[in-house]
Amino acid sequence: MNILIIGGVAGGASAATRARRVNPEANITILEKGPAISFANCGLPYHLGGEIKKREKLLVATPELFKNRFGIDVYTDTEALKIDRANKTVAAFRKTDNASLSFSYDKLIISTGSKLRVLPVFNENFQNVFSLWSLKDLDNSLEYINTHSPKKAVVIGAGFVGLEIAEQLTQLGLKVSLVEKAPQVLGPLDAEMASFIEQELLENGVDLYLGKEVTKVDSNKTTTSNILKQITLDDNTTVDTDLVFWGIGVLPESKLAVEAALNIGTSGGIVVNEFQQTSDENIYAVGDASECIYAPTNRKAPIPLAGPANRAGRTAGEHAASGKSQLKQKVQGTAIVRVFKKTAAITGLSVRACKNASIHYEVSFISANNHAGYFPGASELIIKLLFNPSDGKILGAQIIGEEGVDKRIDIISTILHFGGNANDLASLDLAYAPPFGSAKDPVHIAAYTILNHLDARPKLISPYANLDNFQVIDVRTSTERDKLPLANSIHIPIDDPSGDIRGRLDQLDKSKETVVICHSGKRAHILASMLCGMGFIDVFNNAGGMMMRSRCRH
């Protein structure tokens, strides 16, 4: 059997090695148009900033390793040009010696990845404008930085990679300006959660230009050596710079599949079945080039993440080599990024995604320490959960914090994978010792908050809600109220040293809908529970308290 794979890195490399493990006799060949068969794309920003010291650490595997360990032939700098489905051949071109090559296959796996969205304004070949997509991009940008010692940089695009580049350039000592067309950083997150990362960027000296688009490059600001020195935004703001990185998203690289008349989805990704087979049963597609099933909506879409690409490669490689494999699993879209001291993570649906898919949802917010508060080094985690109000099923999560974000997002992603609800999350038996967590873990607290809401003990109300028609009780201290005022609220501090809380509660109107609010929701829950027990008709805890309400646009 001849198994031919177009493209290496995550999907193609995992497909090749899995095929070898299940079929020791197959002839397996990989064609890779770049110079490296398997490198760590996600590590590029960290070598740019010097956090990963040695470039060779980015090379996950070499052609020699594939040949010696697995008996797999690798052709680097070799680009596949055309798939001939009728004759089961692939025409290719090897750049190192300008050779035209032809490869036959019984099974073909396409792992061509994705391509960067084009930024039309950069239609000139500026020496100091870079993407960070390949090892060549990395080498070119590092050479320029080392040669020219830039002091200012503009990063265009505030997605995961853009934020990593902004962080690393700042740590190199550059003054960084971050430009994003959307009104927030990290588009997959909801705006109020993204605002924590925006605050972290500002506190570390990054200038933010949100809701702005680069419209032109002033040729008068370009030197004779074709080095870009200034960009202009759509509000006519100009930003001076010595260096530009851009990354405004990706598209599936499906050109070969299109030309081979394979079925392409509306998103541009190659349509595949549960075994990663395309509309031609002898051709598979994996990674960014193919569609995944996004589990929260059960809809097909490209999801350009390394984890799904690896798992798809494993499925395709095994099925191509043996005719059977485990079914491809749906994807939750779990992702995480570090930005200076803060970490942001998401899994499943956001509010925007729920609205776009017409999925009924409600939200909860909690703030809790990442481990026991009495143990040194505890830091705050902010967890937002989306859930179905009819049965408590978890729909998605977003977490911001310094330590322990990865652990909690993975826990919730696992709950999503198995279709679990708030009670399932609350019932998890998690490891506990003071350096690692708390006996009541933050994910337990987040789940308890939903369960309290479902039992109306008390109910939650969104931090986006208009409170004009509610009886609003603010249980914060006077100092807290001065920092974040809340108009038209009754001030009854929960920790009133007079101890006369109950006497004041008797003065309230039990028949009015009542919202209790504090900084994060913890103290408000205490008073709201008391009101429920005292016969108040409708009592709500403002989810996330003033911490979240102050970040929401009303």
Protein backbone atom coordinates (compact mmCIF):
# COMPACT_ATOMS: atom_id res chain seq x y z
CA MET A 1 0.00 0.00 0.00
CA ASN A 2 1.24 3.49 -0.90
CA ILE A 3 0.11 6.18 1.54
CA LEU A 4 0.98 9.68 0.40
CA ILE A 5 0.61 12.68 2.71
CA ILE A 6 0.66 16.28 1.51
CA GLY A 7 1.87 18.50 4.35
CA GLY A 8 3.54 17.76 7.65
CA VAL A 9 3.44 19.66 10.97
CA ALA A 10 0.59 18.61 13.30
CA GLY A 11 -1.95 16.80 11.11
CA GLY A 12 0.29 15.24 8.47
CA ALA A 13 3.02 14.11 10.84
CA SER A 14 0.58 12.46 13.26
CA ALA A 15 -1.21 10.79 10.33
CA ALA A 16 2.07 9.37 9.03
CA THR A 17 3.28 7.97 12.34
CA ARG A 18 -0.12 6.50 13.23
CA ALA A 19 -0.32 4.85 9.81
CA ARG A 20 3.07 3.29 10.38
CA ARG A 21 2.14 1.95 13.82
CA VAL A 22 -0.92 0.14 12.50
CA ASN A 23 0.60 -0.96 9.16
CA PRO A 24 4.31 -1.86 9.28
CA GLU A 25 4.33 -2.84 5.58
CA ALA A 26 2.89 0.31 3.97
CA ASN A 27 5.02 2.67 1.90
CA ILE A 28 4.49 6.06 3.54
CA THR A 29 5.68 9.32 2.01
CA ILE A 30 5.26 12.93 3.16
CA LEU A 31 5.58 15.94 0.86
CA GLU A 32 6.26 19.21 2.70
CA LYS A 33 6.64 22.46 0.78
CA GLY A 34 8.63 24.08 3.59
CA PRO A 35 12.11 23.26 4.88
CA ALA A 36 10.91 21.57 8.11
CA ILE A 37 8.62 18.58 8.23
CA SER A 38 7.41 19.10 11.79
CA PHE A 39 7.94 22.29 13.74
CA ALA A 40 6.19 23.99 16.64
CA ASN A 41 4.12 26.75 15.03
CA CYS A 42 2.82 27.76 18.45
CA GLY A 43 6.35 28.27 19.72
CA LEU A 44 7.35 30.88 17.12
CA PRO A 45 6.42 33.97 19.18
CA TYR A 46 8.34 32.65 22.17
CA HIS A 47 11.56 32.23 20.22
CA LEU A 48 11.02 35.68 18.72
CA GLY A 49 11.02 37.10 22.26
CA GLY A 50 13.84 34.87 23.48
CA GLU A 51 11.79 32.87 25.95
CA ILE A 52 12.60 29.75 23.92
CA LYS A 53 16.35 30.20 23.61
CA LYS A 54 17.31 27.72 20.93
CA ARG A 55 15.72 27.63 17.48
CA GLU A 56 16.30 23.88 17.20
CA LYS A 57 13.87 23.35 20.08
CA LEU A 58 11.12 24.31 17.62
CA LEU A 59 11.97 21.38 15.36
CA VAL A 60 9.72 18.64 16.68
CA ALA A 61 11.02 15.97 14.29
CA THR A 62 13.45 15.81 11.37
CA PRO A 63 13.29 13.89 8.06
CA GLU A 64 16.07 11.69 9.41
CA LEU A 65 14.04 10.75 12.46
CA PHE A 66 11.02 9.90 10.30
CA LYS A 67 13.19 7.71 8.08
CA ASN A 68 15.26 6.01 10.78
CA ARG A 69 12.59 5.47 13.39
CA PHE A 70 9.47 4.99 11.28
CA GLY A 71 10.67 4.11 7.79
CA ILE A 72 8.78 7.10 6.38
CA ASP A 73 10.18 8.99 3.37
CA VAL A 74 10.08 12.77 3.69
CA TYR A 75 10.49 15.25 0.85
CA THR A 76 10.97 18.79 2.20
CA ASP A 77 10.91 21.91 0.02
CA THR A 78 8.59 19.89 -2.22
CA GLU A 79 5.24 21.38 -3.15
CA ALA A 80 2.31 19.31 -4.38
CA LEU A 81 0.90 20.97 -7.50
CA LYS A 82 -1.95 18.76 -8.69
CA ILE A 83 -3.96 15.72 -7.63
CA ASP A 84 -4.91 13.36 -10.45
CA ARG A 85 -7.73 11.34 -8.91
CA ALA A 86 -8.29 9.16 -11.96
CA ASN A 87 -4.69 7.91 -12.03
CA LYS A 88 -4.09 8.28 -8.30
CA THR A 89 -1.01 10.42 -8.71
CA VAL A 90 0.22 13.75 -7.35
CA ALA A 91 2.45 16.05 -9.37
CA ALA A 92 5.01 17.97 -7.29
CA PHE A 93 7.91 20.38 -7.63
CA ARG A 94 11.11 20.24 -5.54
CA LYS A 95 12.59 23.69 -5.09
CA THR A 96 16.11 22.61 -4.10
CA ASP A 97 16.93 21.21 -7.57
CA ASN A 98 13.96 22.46 -9.65
CA ALA A 99 12.84 18.87 -10.15
CA SER A 100 9.36 17.92 -11.33
CA LEU A 101 8.22 14.80 -9.48
CA SER A 102 5.27 12.43 -9.57
CA PHE A 103 4.02 10.26 -6.72
CA SER A 104 1.44 7.50 -6.87
CA TYR A 105 -0.91 6.66 -4.02
CA ASP A 106 -3.47 4.17 -2.88
CA LYS A 107 -4.52 6.47 -0.06
CA LEU A 108 -3.87 10.21 0.00
CA ILE A 109 -4.02 12.45 3.07
CA ILE A 110 -4.24 16.22 2.57
CA SER A 111 -2.76 18.26 5.42
CA THR A 112 -2.14 21.58 3.71
CA GLY A 113 -3.13 23.66 6.73
CA SER A 114 -4.31 27.23 6.44
CA LYS A 115 -3.17 30.50 4.93
CA LEU A 116 -3.09 33.98 6.38
CA ARG A 117 -5.83 36.41 5.51
CA VAL A 118 -4.38 39.14 3.31
CA LEU A 119 -4.02 42.71 4.54
CA PRO A 120 -4.41 44.65 1.27
CA VAL A 121 -2.79 47.85 2.54
CA PHE A 122 0.61 46.17 2.57
CA ASN A 123 0.95 45.83 -1.18
CA GLU A 124 4.60 46.83 -1.14
CA ASN A 125 7.50 44.65 -0.12
CA PHE A 126 8.48 46.50 3.03
CA GLN A 127 11.62 45.24 4.72
CA ASN A 128 10.18 45.69 8.21
CA VAL A 129 6.68 44.20 7.77
CA PHE A 130 6.30 40.56 8.83
CA SER A 131 3.84 37.82 9.55
CA LEU A 132 4.83 35.03 11.95
CA TRP A 133 3.58 31.97 10.14
CA SER A 134 6.63 29.89 9.28
CA LEU A 135 10.22 29.33 10.30
CA LYS A 136 11.26 31.56 7.40
CA ASP A 137 9.06 34.36 8.77
CA LEU A 138 10.67 33.87 12.17
CA ASP A 139 14.21 33.93 10.77
CA ASN A 140 13.57 37.01 8.63
CA SER A 141 11.99 38.99 11.46
CA LEU A 142 14.72 38.06 13.94
CA GLU A 143 17.43 39.03 11.46
CA TYR A 144 15.78 42.42 10.99
CA ILE A 145 15.40 43.00 14.73
CA ASN A 146 19.01 42.02 15.42
CA THR A 147 20.33 44.18 12.57
CA HIS A 148 18.21 47.32 12.98
CA SER A 149 17.41 47.38 16.74
CA PRO A 150 13.85 48.76 16.35
CA LYS A 151 12.39 50.72 19.26
CA LYS A 152 8.69 50.79 18.27
CA ALA A 153 6.44 48.10 16.83
CA VAL A 154 2.88 47.83 15.57
CA VAL A 155 1.04 44.51 15.83
CA ILE A 156 -2.07 44.29 13.64
CA GLY A 157 -4.59 41.74 14.87
CA ALA A 158 -5.38 41.05 18.54
CA GLY A 159 -6.15 37.36 18.34
CA PHE A 160 -4.20 34.70 20.23
CA VAL A 161 -1.02 34.98 18.14
CA GLY A 162 -1.17 38.77 17.95
CA LEU A 163 -1.30 38.99 21.75
CA GLU A 164 1.62 36.58 22.09
CA ILE A 165 3.69 38.68 19.67
CA ALA A 166 2.76 41.91 21.49
CA GLU A 167 3.82 40.36 24.80
CA GLN A 168 7.12 39.07 23.47
CA LEU A 169 8.07 42.30 21.68
CA THR A 170 7.30 44.27 24.85
CA GLN A 171 9.56 41.95 26.81
CA LEU A 172 12.29 42.65 24.24
CA GLY A 173 11.99 46.31 25.20
CA LEU A 174 9.98 47.62 22.23
CA LYS A 175 7.14 50.08 22.60
CA VAL A 176 4.19 48.17 21.12
CA SER A 177 0.95 49.45 19.59
CA LEU A 178 -1.78 46.86 19.05
CA VAL A 179 -4.36 47.52 16.33
CA GLU A 180 -7.59 45.49 16.10
CA LYS A 181 -10.54 46.00 13.78
CA ALA A 182 -12.99 44.55 16.31
CA PRO A 183 -13.95 46.60 19.39
CA GLN A 184 -12.13 44.15 21.69
CA VAL A 185 -9.12 41.85 21.85
CA LEU A 186 -9.60 38.07 21.67
CA GLY A 187 -12.73 37.87 19.54
CA PRO A 188 -13.83 34.41 20.81
CA LEU A 189 -14.28 35.82 24.34
CA ASP A 190 -17.17 37.97 25.45
CA ALA A 191 -16.30 41.65 25.75
CA GLU A 192 -16.38 41.95 29.54
CA MET A 193 -13.98 39.01 29.92
CA ALA A 194 -11.67 40.32 27.20
CA SER A 195 -11.51 43.62 29.10
CA PHE A 196 -9.31 42.00 31.77
CA ILE A 197 -6.73 41.23 29.08
CA GLU A 198 -7.03 44.73 27.65
CA GLN A 199 -6.31 46.10 31.11
CA GLU A 200 -3.26 43.83 31.43
CA LEU A 201 -1.93 45.04 28.07
CA LEU A 202 -2.35 48.69 29.06
CA GLU A 203 -0.67 48.12 32.42
CA ASN A 204 2.32 46.66 30.60
CA GLY A 205 2.67 49.68 28.32
CA VAL A 206 0.93 48.39 25.18
CA ASP A 207 -1.10 51.06 23.36
CA LEU A 208 -4.48 49.73 22.19
CA TYR A 209 -6.27 50.85 19.04
CA LEU A 210 -9.52 48.87 19.19
CA GLY A 211 -12.25 49.17 16.62
CA LYS A 212 -9.64 50.59 14.25
CA GLU A 213 -8.44 49.45 10.85
CA VAL A 214 -5.24 50.23 8.96
CA THR A 215 -6.31 52.11 5.83
CA LYS A 216 -3.11 53.39 4.28
CA VAL A 217 0.63 53.70 4.39
CA ASP A 218 1.98 57.19 3.83
CA SER A 219 4.63 56.88 1.13
CA ASN A 220 6.20 60.09 2.38
CA LYS A 221 7.04 58.27 5.58
CA THR A 222 8.78 55.43 3.74
CA THR A 223 12.55 55.67 3.40
CA THR A 224 14.47 54.94 0.21
CA SER A 225 15.33 51.52 1.61
CA ASN A 226 11.59 50.70 1.69
CA ILE A 227 11.22 50.62 5.44
CA LEU A 228 7.72 51.47 6.68
CA LYS A 229 7.76 54.20 9.32
CA GLN A 230 4.09 55.07 9.81
CA ILE A 231 0.59 53.63 9.44
CA THR A 232 -2.72 55.48 9.24
CA LEU A 233 -5.94 54.20 10.82
CA ASP A 234 -9.51 54.69 9.60
CA ASP A 235 -10.05 57.61 12.01
CA ASN A 236 -6.95 59.31 10.54
CA THR A 237 -4.85 58.49 13.60
CA THR A 238 -1.22 57.96 12.64
CA VAL A 239 1.11 55.59 14.47
CA ASP A 240 4.88 55.78 14.02
CA THR A 241 6.74 52.49 13.97
CA ASP A 242 10.03 50.76 13.21
CA LEU A 243 8.53 47.29 12.85
CA VAL A 244 5.16 45.76 11.90
CA PHE A 245 3.73 42.30 12.52
CA TRP A 246 0.33 41.37 11.13
CA GLY A 247 -1.97 38.43 11.63
CA ILE A 248 -5.67 38.98 11.05
CA GLY A 249 -6.85 35.39 10.94
CA VAL A 250 -6.56 32.40 8.64
CA LEU A 251 -8.44 30.60 5.88
CA PRO A 252 -8.34 26.88 4.96
CA GLU A 253 -5.67 26.12 2.35
CA SER A 254 -7.91 23.99 0.16
CA LYS A 255 -6.71 24.96 -3.34
CA LEU A 256 -5.52 21.44 -4.23
CA ALA A 257 -8.80 19.95 -3.08
CA VAL A 258 -10.85 22.51 -5.02
CA GLU A 259 -8.91 21.81 -8.20
CA ALA A 260 -9.38 18.07 -7.64
CA ALA A 261 -13.15 18.65 -7.44
CA LEU A 262 -13.46 17.43 -3.85
CA ASN A 263 -16.43 18.71 -1.88
CA ILE A 264 -15.77 22.01 -0.10
CA GLY A 265 -17.93 23.38 2.72
CA THR A 266 -19.42 26.86 2.87
CA SER A 267 -16.59 27.86 5.21
CA GLY A 268 -13.97 26.95 2.62
CA GLY A 269 -12.81 23.86 4.49
CA ILE A 270 -12.67 20.40 2.89
CA VAL A 271 -15.73 18.33 3.76
CA VAL A 272 -14.85 15.08 5.56
CA ASN A 273 -16.73 12.24 7.23
CA GLU A 274 -16.21 10.66 10.64
CA PHE A 275 -13.00 8.96 9.40
CA GLN A 276 -11.64 12.17 7.78
CA GLN A 277 -12.47 10.84 4.30
CA THR A 278 -13.33 13.42 1.67
CA SER A 279 -15.90 12.96 -1.10
CA ASP A 280 -13.29 10.63 -2.62
CA GLU A 281 -13.01 7.64 -0.28
CA ASN A 282 -9.31 7.24 -1.11
CA ILE A 283 -8.49 10.82 -0.12
CA TYR A 284 -8.50 12.13 3.44
CA ALA A 285 -8.14 15.65 4.78
CA VAL A 286 -6.98 16.74 8.24
CA GLY A 287 -6.04 19.84 10.18
CA ASP A 288 -6.82 23.44 9.30
CA ALA A 289 -7.64 22.55 5.68
CA SER A 290 -10.61 20.40 6.70
CA GLU A 291 -13.84 20.98 8.53
CA CYS A 292 -14.48 19.85 12.09
CA ILE A 293 -17.79 19.39 13.82
CA TYR A 294 -18.07 22.14 16.43
CA ALA A 295 -19.72 20.24 19.25
CA PRO A 296 -21.71 23.03 20.95
CA THR A 297 -23.71 23.75 17.77
CA ASN A 298 -23.15 20.45 15.92
CA ARG A 299 -22.21 22.50 12.85
CA LYS A 300 -19.24 22.05 10.56
CA ALA A 301 -16.47 24.64 10.56
CA PRO A 302 -12.68 24.87 10.26
CA ILE A 303 -11.12 25.06 13.73
CA PRO A 304 -7.44 25.97 13.26
CA LEU A 305 -6.02 24.53 16.47
CA ALA A 306 -3.14 22.09 16.93
CA GLY A 307 -5.00 19.66 19.20
CA PRO A 308 -7.85 18.89 16.79
CA ALA A 309 -5.34 18.65 13.92
CA ASN A 310 -3.31 16.02 15.76
CA ARG A 311 -6.36 13.97 16.63
CA ALA A 312 -7.72 14.18 13.08
CA GLY A 313 -4.34 13.05 11.76
CA ARG A 314 -4.40 10.03 14.04
CA THR A 315 -7.89 9.06 12.82
CA ALA A 316 -7.04 9.51 9.14
CA GLY A 317 -3.68 7.75 9.37
CA GLU A 318 -5.15 4.70 11.06
CA HIS A 319 -8.12 4.45 8.70
CA ALA A 320 -5.99 4.93 5.58
CA ALA A 321 -3.58 2.23 6.71
CA SER A 322 -6.04 -0.34 8.04
CA GLY A 323 -9.55 0.52 6.82
CA LYS A 324 -10.82 1.11 10.35
CA SER A 325 -10.32 3.55 13.21
CA GLN A 326 -12.08 5.23 16.09
CA LEU A 327 -14.58 7.83 14.95
CA LYS A 328 -13.45 11.42 14.78
CA GLN A 329 -14.55 13.32 17.87
CA LYS A 330 -16.31 16.65 17.86
CA VAL A 331 -14.37 19.74 18.92
CA GLN A 332 -15.19 22.20 21.73
CA GLY A 333 -12.85 24.93 20.47
CA THR A 334 -10.86 24.97 23.71
CA ALA A 335 -8.09 27.58 23.56
CA ILE A 336 -5.79 29.43 25.95
CA VAL A 337 -3.31 32.31 25.84
CA ARG A 338 -0.92 33.95 28.28
CA VAL A 339 -0.61 37.74 28.17
CA PHE A 340 2.06 38.94 30.62
CA LYS A 341 0.80 37.81 34.05
CA LYS A 342 -2.76 37.05 32.96
CA THR A 343 -4.11 33.96 31.22
CA ALA A 344 -7.34 33.81 29.23
CA ALA A 345 -9.08 30.60 28.17
CA ILE A 346 -12.32 29.58 26.50
CA THR A 347 -14.18 26.38 25.74
CA GLY A 348 -17.56 25.88 24.13
CA LEU A 349 -19.98 28.71 23.44
CA SER A 350 -19.69 32.41 24.14
CA VAL A 351 -22.72 34.71 24.45
CA ARG A 352 -22.18 35.88 20.88
CA ALA A 353 -22.04 32.28 19.63
CA CYS A 354 -25.23 31.41 21.54
CA LYS A 355 -27.06 34.33 19.99
CA ASN A 356 -25.81 33.49 16.49
CA ALA A 357 -26.98 29.88 16.90
CA SER A 358 -30.28 30.88 18.60
CA ILE A 359 -29.38 28.84 21.69
CA HIS A 360 -31.14 29.79 24.93
CA TYR A 361 -28.61 30.48 27.67
CA GLU A 362 -27.97 32.20 30.97
CA VAL A 363 -24.65 33.13 32.58
CA SER A 364 -22.95 33.00 35.93
CA PHE A 365 -19.73 34.61 37.16
CA ILE A 366 -17.61 33.76 40.16
CA SER A 367 -14.34 34.97 41.62
CA ALA A 368 -12.24 32.56 43.68
CA ASN A 369 -8.61 31.87 44.58
CA ASN A 370 -6.74 29.37 42.43
CA HIS A 371 -5.68 27.50 45.56
CA ALA A 372 -6.19 27.75 49.33
CA GLY A 373 -6.09 31.40 50.32
CA TYR A 374 -3.95 30.75 53.37
CA PHE A 375 -1.22 29.14 51.25
CA PRO A 376 1.28 31.66 49.82
CA GLY A 377 0.82 32.81 46.25
CA ALA A 378 -2.94 32.49 45.86
CA SER A 379 -4.35 34.53 42.98
CA GLU A 380 -7.81 35.29 41.64
CA LEU A 381 -9.65 33.25 39.03
CA ILE A 382 -12.69 34.73 37.31
CA ILE A 383 -14.94 32.07 35.78
CA LYS A 384 -17.85 32.74 33.47
CA LEU A 385 -20.15 29.81 32.74
CA LEU A 386 -22.92 29.68 30.15
CA PHE A 387 -25.66 27.17 30.85
CA ASN A 388 -29.09 26.04 29.69
CA PRO A 389 -31.60 27.41 32.24
CA SER A 390 -33.99 24.49 31.74
CA ASP A 391 -31.62 21.71 32.80
CA GLY A 392 -28.35 23.32 33.86
CA LYS A 393 -26.39 21.85 30.97
CA ILE A 394 -23.02 23.58 30.63
CA LEU A 395 -22.70 25.34 27.26
CA GLY A 396 -19.37 27.11 27.57
CA ALA A 397 -16.83 28.73 29.84
CA GLN A 398 -14.35 31.59 29.89
CA ILE A 399 -11.69 31.98 32.57
CA ILE A 400 -9.26 34.78 33.40
CA GLY A 401 -6.50 34.49 35.99
CA GLU A 402 -2.82 34.14 36.68
CA GLU A 403 -2.38 30.53 37.78
CA GLY A 404 -4.61 27.46 37.40
CA VAL A 405 -6.62 28.66 34.41
CA ASP A 406 -5.50 25.71 32.27
CA LYS A 407 -6.57 23.15 34.86
CA ARG A 408 -10.08 24.58 35.20
CA ILE A 409 -10.74 25.12 31.50
CA ASP A 410 -9.73 21.52 30.82
CA ILE A 411 -12.09 20.28 33.54
CA ILE A 412 -15.00 22.20 32.06
CA SER A 413 -14.07 21.13 28.51
CA THR A 414 -14.30 17.53 29.71
CA ILE A 415 -17.75 18.19 31.15
CA LEU A 416 -18.77 19.69 27.79
CA HIS A 417 -17.42 16.65 25.93
CA PHE A 418 -19.72 14.37 27.89
CA GLY A 419 -22.71 16.71 27.77
CA GLY A 420 -22.64 17.34 31.51
CA ASN A 421 -24.65 19.79 33.58
CA ALA A 422 -24.00 21.94 36.64
CA ASN A 423 -24.69 19.05 39.01
CA ASP A 424 -22.10 16.92 37.20
CA LEU A 425 -19.56 19.72 37.55
CA ALA A 426 -20.41 20.23 41.22
CA SER A 427 -20.02 16.49 41.88
CA LEU A 428 -16.51 16.06 40.46
CA ASP A 429 -13.99 14.54 42.87
CA LEU A 430 -10.93 16.74 42.31
CA ALA A 431 -7.48 16.52 43.86
CA TYR A 432 -6.92 18.89 46.75
CA ALA A 433 -3.93 20.05 48.73
CA PRO A 434 -3.28 23.69 49.71
CA PRO A 435 -0.63 24.38 47.02
CA PHE A 436 -2.93 23.14 44.24
CA GLY A 437 -6.54 24.01 45.00
CA SER A 438 -9.21 24.25 47.66
CA ALA A 439 -11.52 21.68 49.17
CA LYS A 440 -14.25 23.59 47.36
CA ASP A 441 -12.57 24.22 44.01
CA PRO A 442 -13.43 27.29 41.88
CA VAL A 443 -15.23 25.03 39.37
CA HIS A 444 -17.34 23.67 42.23
CA ILE A 445 -18.23 27.21 43.31
CA ALA A 446 -19.14 28.08 39.72
CA ALA A 447 -21.40 25.02 39.55
CA TYR A 448 -22.99 25.72 42.96
CA THR A 449 -23.83 29.23 41.76
CA ILE A 450 -25.80 27.77 38.84
CA LEU A 451 -27.54 25.22 41.08
CA ASN A 452 -28.57 28.02 43.48
CA HIS A 453 -29.99 29.92 40.53
CA LEU A 454 -31.95 26.91 39.26
CA ASP A 455 -33.41 26.46 42.75
CA ALA A 456 -34.06 30.24 43.03
CA ARG A 457 -31.89 30.42 46.17
CA PRO A 458 -31.32 33.13 44.93
CA LYS A 459 -31.70 33.61 41.19
CA LEU A 460 -29.00 35.32 39.13
CA ILE A 461 -29.48 38.42 37.04
CA SER A 462 -27.10 39.39 34.25
CA PRO A 463 -24.57 42.17 34.90
CA TYR A 464 -25.88 43.67 31.65
CA ALA A 465 -29.41 44.01 33.10
CA ASN A 466 -31.10 47.38 33.52
CA LEU A 467 -31.84 47.75 37.24
CA ASP A 468 -34.02 50.87 37.07
CA ASN A 469 -37.22 49.04 38.06
CA PHE A 470 -35.67 46.92 40.83
CA GLN A 471 -35.18 47.48 44.53
CA VAL A 472 -31.37 47.41 44.57
CA ILE A 473 -29.44 46.70 47.77
CA ASP A 474 -25.70 47.38 47.76
CA VAL A 475 -23.90 45.44 50.52
CA ARG A 476 -20.41 46.82 49.82
CA THR A 477 -18.45 49.13 52.08
CA SER A 478 -18.61 52.88 51.64
CA THR A 479 -15.07 52.86 50.25
CA GLU A 480 -16.02 50.32 47.60
CA ARG A 481 -19.08 52.38 46.65
CA ASP A 482 -16.92 55.47 46.24
CA LYS A 483 -14.64 53.61 43.82
CA LEU A 484 -17.49 52.08 41.77
CA PRO A 485 -20.71 54.03 42.44
CA LEU A 486 -24.10 52.47 41.82
CA ALA A 487 -26.94 54.95 41.44
CA ASN A 488 -30.38 54.48 42.99
CA SER A 489 -29.28 51.73 45.38
CA ILE A 490 -29.97 51.19 49.07
CA HIS A 491 -26.75 50.87 51.05
CA ILE A 492 -26.90 48.07 53.62
CA PRO A 493 -23.30 46.86 54.22
CA ILE A 494 -23.27 43.15 54.96
CA ASP A 495 -20.43 43.61 57.46
CA ASP A 496 -22.08 46.56 59.25
CA PRO A 497 -20.32 46.80 62.62
CA SER A 498 -23.59 47.91 64.24
CA GLY A 499 -25.01 44.45 63.59
CA ASP A 500 -28.39 45.97 62.79
CA ILE A 501 -28.80 44.37 59.37
CA ARG A 502 -32.07 42.58 60.13
CA GLY A 503 -33.60 45.74 61.50
CA ARG A 504 -32.89 47.53 58.28
CA LEU A 505 -34.18 44.66 56.15
CA ASP A 506 -37.59 45.01 57.81
CA GLN A 507 -37.81 48.44 56.19
CA LEU A 508 -37.62 47.01 52.66
CA ASP A 509 -40.55 46.26 50.38
CA LYS A 510 -40.98 42.47 50.19
CA SER A 511 -43.29 42.71 47.19
CA LYS A 512 -40.75 44.38 44.91
CA GLU A 513 -38.28 42.55 42.74
CA THR A 514 -34.99 42.93 44.58
CA VAL A 515 -31.40 42.77 43.36
CA VAL A 516 -28.54 42.42 45.83
CA ILE A 517 -25.08 43.43 44.69
CA CYS A 518 -21.53 43.42 46.06
CA HIS A 519 -18.11 43.39 44.41
CA SER A 520 -18.10 39.83 43.03
CA GLY A 521 -21.34 38.17 44.21
CA LYS A 522 -20.08 36.39 47.35
CA ARG A 523 -21.43 38.77 49.99
CA ALA A 524 -24.54 39.50 47.94
CA HIS A 525 -25.36 35.80 47.99
CA ILE A 526 -25.47 35.85 51.80
CA LEU A 527 -27.93 38.69 52.01
CA ALA A 528 -29.99 37.50 49.04
CA SER A 529 -30.37 34.10 50.71
CA MET A 530 -31.55 35.80 53.89
CA LEU A 531 -34.15 37.76 51.92
CA CYS A 532 -35.41 34.56 50.29
CA GLY A 533 -35.87 33.09 53.75
CA MET A 534 -37.70 36.20 54.95
CA GLY A 535 -40.41 35.86 52.32
CA PHE A 536 -39.23 38.32 49.67
CA ILE A 537 -41.00 37.46 46.41
CA ASP A 538 -38.29 37.77 43.74
CA VAL A 539 -34.67 38.06 44.85
CA PHE A 540 -31.68 38.19 42.51
CA ASN A 541 -27.93 38.20 42.96
CA ASN A 542 -26.25 40.38 40.33
CA ALA A 543 -23.94 37.83 38.65
CA GLY A 544 -20.32 38.85 39.06
CA GLY A 545 -21.26 41.90 41.12
CA MET A 546 -19.84 45.33 40.38
CA MET A 547 -16.61 43.67 39.23
CA MET A 548 -18.43 42.52 36.09
CA ARG A 549 -21.17 45.14 35.94
CA SER A 550 -18.57 47.91 35.68
CA ARG A 551 -17.10 46.17 32.63
CA CYS A 552 -20.40 45.75 30.78
CA ARG A 553 -21.74 48.32 28.35
CA HIS A 554 -25.28 49.23 29.40
